[in-house]
Amino acid sequence: MRPSPWMIAALITAVVSIINPIDATADPAPLTFAAQRDCQLTALRPNPIITLPGGGGPAVAVDEQDIADDGFVQTMLSAGACVFGMFYGVVDGLGVGAAPIAASAGQLADYIETVKGETGAMQVDIVAHSQGALVANYYTKVLGGAANVGNIVSFAPVTHGSRADSPLALINENLPEFRLPNPGGLAQLLSGGPVLSAVADLTRAPGWLACLEGSDAIQRVSEGGITVPGVRYFVMATRNDTVNTPAGDASFIDETGVSNAYFEDLFPAAGPTTHRRLLAQPQAWQWTIAMLYGPRPA
């Protein structure tokens, strides 16, 4: 028997409630970090980089050892960049990105002002993964923050919203200790309807569910075009994405001036990668440097 949307809503709510007690406190402030003390901007590297992870992971304080072990951060530091990071939309008992997208984008707005104040920069560049790219696009498009952003480099970004064709992959990605059963096409049952809003309220994770196709956040970012004049956009997807589906189509921005590419097409010798592992690939780090500091794609 094909489960009804309400059956799925009840299932998601029950599982999330296990790790999110009713008496959980209010959403905490985002955790942030600077990868290098007193990093100096230069004429060749005028914009500090702010990294935004995908949703669902734990928000934990970043120490010097974490920074030393992070290949992407170390690659960008070696290229002369100043790197900052933010764990947005944290909800007690859940993880990164569970709060509403608008709230996460508001946190990003505040953090950008902090980074600009600390560094003296006029703009920042954003390197975002998955849900982090939706937060970045919401900030530039809906909150009017484009003047503060030079470039957005996105990896497997939630651009048009996932159809979650690989059953409940989007939710399972954010529940590492649980695996929900396959109802067959989560987004087709939930997207854009009242059930999606109801589930978001019950689970206290509207930010995660906003990554589904048809969500209010996706619609607001997409209306009239995603890109904003003055911001450069670079998008990398993986053909093996089972979280943000359909692979590529859910991520690419089909608008003038946007560079869209599949990892496997650019780096066939590297072999395939996954949604979660895309930004862990050294080739992706070098591609980021080329997009930000090398010759611009034609």
Protein backbone atom coordinates (compact mmCIF):
# COMPACT_ATOMS: atom_id res chain seq x y z
CA MET A 1 0.00 0.00 0.00
CA ARG A 2 1.36 3.45 -0.90
CA PRO A 3 1.70 5.53 2.29
CA SER A 4 -0.30 8.73 2.51
CA PRO A 5 1.42 12.09 3.12
CA TRP A 6 0.03 12.12 6.63
CA MET A 7 1.51 8.71 7.38
CA ILE A 8 4.90 9.99 6.25
CA ALA A 9 4.45 13.16 8.29
CA ALA A 10 3.73 11.12 11.39
CA LEU A 11 6.74 8.88 10.77
CA ILE A 12 9.15 11.78 10.27
CA THR A 13 7.79 13.55 13.32
CA ALA A 14 8.13 10.47 15.49
CA VAL A 15 11.74 9.84 14.50
CA VAL A 16 12.86 13.44 14.78
CA SER A 17 11.17 13.73 18.20
CA ILE A 18 13.47 10.96 19.46
CA ILE A 19 16.48 13.21 19.02
CA ASN A 20 14.63 16.47 19.64
CA PRO A 21 12.89 16.44 23.04
CA ILE A 22 9.84 18.63 23.52
CA ASP A 23 11.60 20.73 26.15
CA ALA A 24 14.49 21.63 23.85
CA THR A 25 15.62 25.22 24.26
CA ALA A 26 15.34 28.01 21.72
CA ASP A 27 17.53 28.03 18.64
CA PRO A 28 21.09 28.93 19.69
CA ALA A 29 23.32 31.47 17.99
CA PRO A 30 25.39 30.15 15.07
CA LEU A 31 28.87 28.83 15.72
CA THR A 32 31.57 30.63 13.73
CA PHE A 33 35.31 30.41 13.25
CA ALA A 34 38.25 32.17 11.67
CA ALA A 35 40.76 29.79 10.12
CA GLN A 36 43.74 32.08 10.59
CA ARG A 37 44.38 34.78 13.15
CA ASP A 38 45.07 38.25 11.76
CA CYS A 39 44.76 37.13 8.13
CA GLN A 40 45.63 40.02 5.84
CA LEU A 41 43.64 40.73 2.70
CA THR A 42 45.54 41.72 -0.44
CA ALA A 43 44.74 43.36 -3.76
CA LEU A 44 44.75 39.90 -5.35
CA ARG A 45 42.62 38.37 -2.57
CA PRO A 46 40.38 41.27 -1.48
CA ASN A 47 37.41 39.20 -0.32
CA PRO A 48 37.48 36.94 2.74
CA ILE A 49 35.82 33.57 2.17
CA ILE A 50 32.89 32.45 4.30
CA THR A 51 32.19 28.73 4.16
CA LEU A 52 28.68 27.37 4.70
CA PRO A 53 28.32 23.60 5.22
CA GLY A 54 25.37 21.48 4.20
CA GLY A 55 22.56 21.00 6.66
CA GLY A 56 22.20 18.22 9.16
CA GLY A 57 25.70 17.93 10.50
CA PRO A 58 26.61 18.66 14.10
CA ALA A 59 27.50 22.21 15.10
CA VAL A 60 30.65 21.91 17.18
CA ALA A 61 33.33 24.42 18.07
CA VAL A 62 36.20 24.40 15.57
CA ASP A 63 39.69 24.30 17.09
CA GLU A 64 43.13 24.69 15.58
CA GLN A 65 43.49 20.96 14.99
CA ASP A 66 40.21 20.85 13.06
CA ILE A 67 41.45 23.67 10.86
CA ALA A 68 44.80 21.98 10.34
CA ASP A 69 43.05 18.78 9.26
CA ASP A 70 40.62 20.46 6.84
CA GLY A 71 42.02 20.04 3.34
CA PHE A 72 39.76 22.64 1.76
CA VAL A 73 40.57 25.31 4.35
CA GLN A 74 44.30 24.62 4.15
CA THR A 75 44.22 24.76 0.35
CA MET A 76 42.48 28.13 0.41
CA LEU A 77 44.87 29.49 3.04
CA SER A 78 47.80 28.33 0.91
CA ALA A 79 46.27 30.25 -2.00
CA GLY A 80 46.40 33.42 0.09
CA ALA A 81 42.73 33.60 1.10
CA CYS A 82 41.31 34.53 4.48
CA VAL A 83 38.81 31.84 5.49
CA PHE A 84 35.91 32.07 7.91
CA GLY A 85 33.09 29.62 8.57
CA MET A 86 29.61 29.58 10.00
CA PHE A 87 27.34 26.80 11.26
CA TYR A 88 23.94 28.36 10.58
CA GLY A 89 20.39 27.55 11.62
CA VAL A 90 21.28 25.30 14.53
CA VAL A 91 18.34 23.97 16.53
CA ASP A 92 18.94 22.36 19.90
CA GLY A 93 18.71 18.60 19.63
CA LEU A 94 19.05 18.61 15.85
CA GLY A 95 21.88 20.19 13.90
CA VAL A 96 23.00 22.66 11.25
CA GLY A 97 20.28 24.18 9.07
CA ALA A 98 17.19 22.95 10.92
CA ALA A 99 15.94 26.50 11.56
CA PRO A 100 13.91 28.33 8.87
CA ILE A 101 15.95 29.40 5.84
CA ALA A 102 15.07 33.04 6.48
CA ALA A 103 16.49 32.79 10.00
CA SER A 104 19.68 31.16 8.74
CA ALA A 105 20.06 33.83 6.06
CA GLY A 106 19.60 36.49 8.71
CA GLN A 107 22.43 34.92 10.71
CA LEU A 108 24.57 34.97 7.58
CA ALA A 109 23.78 38.66 7.09
CA ASP A 110 24.98 39.44 10.62
CA TYR A 111 28.11 37.35 10.24
CA ILE A 112 29.05 38.98 6.94
CA GLU A 113 28.92 42.36 8.65
CA THR A 114 31.12 41.00 11.44
CA VAL A 115 33.69 39.64 8.98
CA LYS A 116 33.69 42.87 6.98
CA GLY A 117 34.22 44.83 10.16
CA GLU A 118 37.09 42.62 11.32
CA THR A 119 38.89 42.56 7.96
CA GLY A 120 37.98 45.90 6.41
CA ALA A 121 36.67 44.12 3.31
CA MET A 122 33.95 45.61 1.15
CA GLN A 123 32.64 42.20 0.10
CA VAL A 124 32.98 38.51 0.94
CA ASP A 125 33.04 35.39 -1.22
CA ILE A 126 30.87 32.45 -0.18
CA VAL A 127 31.74 28.79 -0.67
CA ALA A 128 28.68 26.72 0.17
CA HIS A 129 27.64 23.10 0.17
CA SER A 130 24.09 21.81 -0.37
CA GLN A 131 21.66 23.68 1.91
CA GLY A 132 24.31 26.29 2.58
CA ALA A 133 23.94 27.50 -1.00
CA LEU A 134 20.19 27.97 -0.51
CA VAL A 135 20.96 30.12 2.52
CA ALA A 136 23.49 32.14 0.49
CA ASN A 137 21.07 32.65 -2.40
CA TYR A 138 18.28 33.61 -0.01
CA TYR A 139 20.58 36.22 1.53
CA THR A 140 21.61 37.77 -1.79
CA LYS A 141 18.24 37.54 -3.52
CA VAL A 142 15.51 37.82 -0.85
CA LEU A 143 17.31 39.76 1.88
CA GLY A 144 19.03 42.08 -0.60
CA GLY A 145 22.59 41.27 0.41
CA ALA A 146 24.12 41.09 -3.06
CA ALA A 147 26.21 44.24 -2.64
CA ASN A 148 28.16 42.46 0.10
CA VAL A 149 28.99 39.36 -1.98
CA GLY A 150 31.43 39.05 -4.87
CA ASN A 151 31.27 35.33 -5.69
CA ILE A 152 29.21 32.32 -4.67
CA VAL A 153 30.83 28.94 -5.29
CA SER A 154 28.30 26.15 -4.69
CA PHE A 155 28.81 22.41 -4.39
CA ALA A 156 25.75 20.19 -4.95
CA PRO A 157 23.61 23.20 -4.06
CA VAL A 158 19.94 23.10 -3.20
CA THR A 159 18.93 25.46 -6.00
CA HIS A 160 15.58 24.28 -7.33
CA GLY A 161 14.81 21.91 -4.48
CA SER A 162 15.24 18.17 -4.28
CA ARG A 163 12.58 15.74 -5.44
CA ALA A 164 14.05 13.20 -3.01
CA ASP A 165 13.73 10.53 -5.69
CA SER A 166 16.11 8.34 -3.76
CA PRO A 167 13.67 7.53 -0.98
CA LEU A 168 13.94 9.83 1.99
CA ALA A 169 17.60 10.41 1.23
CA LEU A 170 17.25 14.04 2.16
CA ILE A 171 15.93 13.21 5.63
CA ASN A 172 18.19 10.21 6.13
CA GLU A 173 21.21 12.36 5.30
CA ASN A 174 20.38 14.41 8.37
CA LEU A 175 19.62 11.49 10.70
CA PRO A 176 22.89 9.56 10.77
CA GLU A 177 21.72 7.22 13.53
CA PHE A 178 18.42 6.38 11.85
CA ARG A 179 17.23 5.20 8.48
CA LEU A 180 13.61 5.78 7.57
CA PRO A 181 11.81 3.37 5.22
CA ASN A 182 11.09 4.09 1.59
CA PRO A 183 7.69 5.66 0.95
CA GLY A 184 8.42 6.29 -2.72
CA GLY A 185 9.00 9.90 -3.76
CA LEU A 186 8.90 12.11 -0.69
CA ALA A 187 8.86 15.41 -2.53
CA GLN A 188 5.97 14.40 -4.77
CA LEU A 189 3.89 13.74 -1.68
CA LEU A 190 4.93 16.75 0.37
CA SER A 191 6.25 19.55 -1.80
CA GLY A 192 4.39 22.81 -1.93
CA GLY A 193 1.43 21.54 0.06
CA PRO A 194 0.09 22.01 3.59
CA VAL A 195 1.60 18.73 4.73
CA LEU A 196 5.11 20.08 4.17
CA SER A 197 4.41 23.06 6.42
CA ALA A 198 2.81 20.84 9.04
CA VAL A 199 5.76 18.46 9.12
CA ALA A 200 8.18 21.38 9.31
CA ASP A 201 6.37 22.78 12.33
CA LEU A 202 6.14 19.43 14.10
CA THR A 203 9.76 18.46 13.59
CA ARG A 204 11.22 21.89 14.33
CA ALA A 205 13.30 21.37 11.19
CA PRO A 206 11.69 23.63 8.57
CA GLY A 207 15.11 24.44 7.11
CA TRP A 208 15.71 20.83 6.13
CA LEU A 209 12.30 20.42 4.57
CA ALA A 210 12.73 23.73 2.73
CA CYS A 211 15.27 21.86 0.62
CA LEU A 212 12.42 19.99 -1.07
CA GLU A 213 11.14 21.10 -4.44
CA GLY A 214 8.24 23.54 -4.14
CA SER A 215 9.08 24.92 -0.71
CA ASP A 216 8.39 28.56 0.05
CA ALA A 217 12.09 29.35 0.34
CA ILE A 218 12.83 27.79 -3.06
CA GLN A 219 9.97 29.71 -4.64
CA ARG A 220 11.09 33.02 -3.16
CA VAL A 221 14.68 32.55 -4.35
CA SER A 222 13.58 31.40 -7.82
CA GLU A 223 10.97 34.07 -8.57
CA GLY A 224 12.19 36.26 -11.41
CA GLY A 225 15.57 34.50 -11.57
CA ILE A 226 18.02 33.29 -8.97
CA THR A 227 21.07 35.36 -9.84
CA VAL A 228 21.55 38.97 -8.79
CA PRO A 229 23.60 41.46 -10.82
CA GLY A 230 27.10 41.97 -9.48
CA VAL A 231 27.47 38.48 -8.00
CA ARG A 232 29.35 35.75 -9.89
CA TYR A 233 28.01 32.21 -9.56
CA PHE A 234 29.89 28.92 -9.95
CA VAL A 235 28.12 25.59 -9.48
CA MET A 236 29.55 22.08 -9.25
CA ALA A 237 27.31 19.01 -9.00
CA THR A 238 27.95 15.27 -8.99
CA ARG A 239 26.21 12.86 -11.32
CA ASN A 240 25.91 10.44 -8.39
CA ASP A 241 23.87 12.72 -6.14
CA THR A 242 21.09 10.73 -4.42
CA VAL A 243 20.19 13.50 -1.96
CA ASN A 244 19.63 16.54 -4.15
CA THR A 245 17.78 15.00 -7.07
CA PRO A 246 17.56 14.90 -10.01
CA ALA A 247 21.34 15.14 -9.99
CA GLY A 248 22.57 18.30 -11.65
CA ASP A 249 19.15 19.55 -12.68
CA ALA A 250 18.29 20.28 -9.06
CA SER A 251 21.52 22.26 -8.62
CA PHE A 252 22.41 24.04 -11.84
CA ILE A 253 21.43 27.66 -12.43
CA ASP A 254 20.43 28.03 -16.07
CA GLU A 255 20.97 31.77 -16.25
CA THR A 256 23.39 34.01 -18.14
CA GLY A 257 26.91 34.13 -16.77
CA VAL A 258 26.65 31.13 -14.45
CA SER A 259 29.30 28.41 -14.68
CA ASN A 260 27.74 24.93 -14.18
CA ALA A 261 29.76 21.71 -14.22
CA TYR A 262 29.69 18.08 -13.14
CA PHE A 263 32.65 16.94 -11.08
CA GLU A 264 32.92 13.72 -13.08
CA ASP A 265 33.09 15.63 -16.38
CA LEU A 266 35.82 17.96 -15.20
CA PHE A 267 37.85 15.28 -13.42
CA PRO A 268 37.11 11.89 -15.00
CA ALA A 269 40.30 10.35 -13.62
CA ALA A 270 39.18 11.08 -10.06
CA GLY A 271 36.25 8.71 -10.29
CA PRO A 272 32.73 9.35 -9.01
CA THR A 273 31.89 11.06 -5.76
CA THR A 274 28.74 11.62 -3.71
CA HIS A 275 26.64 14.50 -2.44
CA ARG A 276 28.29 14.51 0.97
CA ARG A 277 31.84 13.86 -0.27
CA LEU A 278 31.93 16.34 -3.15
CA LEU A 279 33.60 19.16 -1.23
CA ALA A 280 36.10 16.70 0.24
CA GLN A 281 37.71 16.14 -3.17
CA PRO A 282 41.11 17.86 -3.70
CA GLN A 283 40.13 18.53 -7.31
CA ALA A 284 37.16 20.53 -6.06
CA TRP A 285 39.48 22.64 -3.92
CA GLN A 286 41.65 23.50 -6.90
CA TRP A 287 38.57 24.22 -9.00
CA THR A 288 37.44 26.71 -6.35
CA ILE A 289 40.78 28.51 -6.58
CA ALA A 290 40.48 28.63 -10.37
CA MET A 291 36.96 30.01 -10.22
CA LEU A 292 37.77 32.66 -7.64
CA TYR A 293 41.26 33.67 -8.73
CA GLY A 294 42.00 32.19 -12.14
CA PRO A 295 40.78 33.14 -15.61
CA ARG A 296 37.03 33.52 -15.70
CA PRO A 297 35.13 30.84 -17.67
CA ALA A 298 34.02 31.98 -21.11
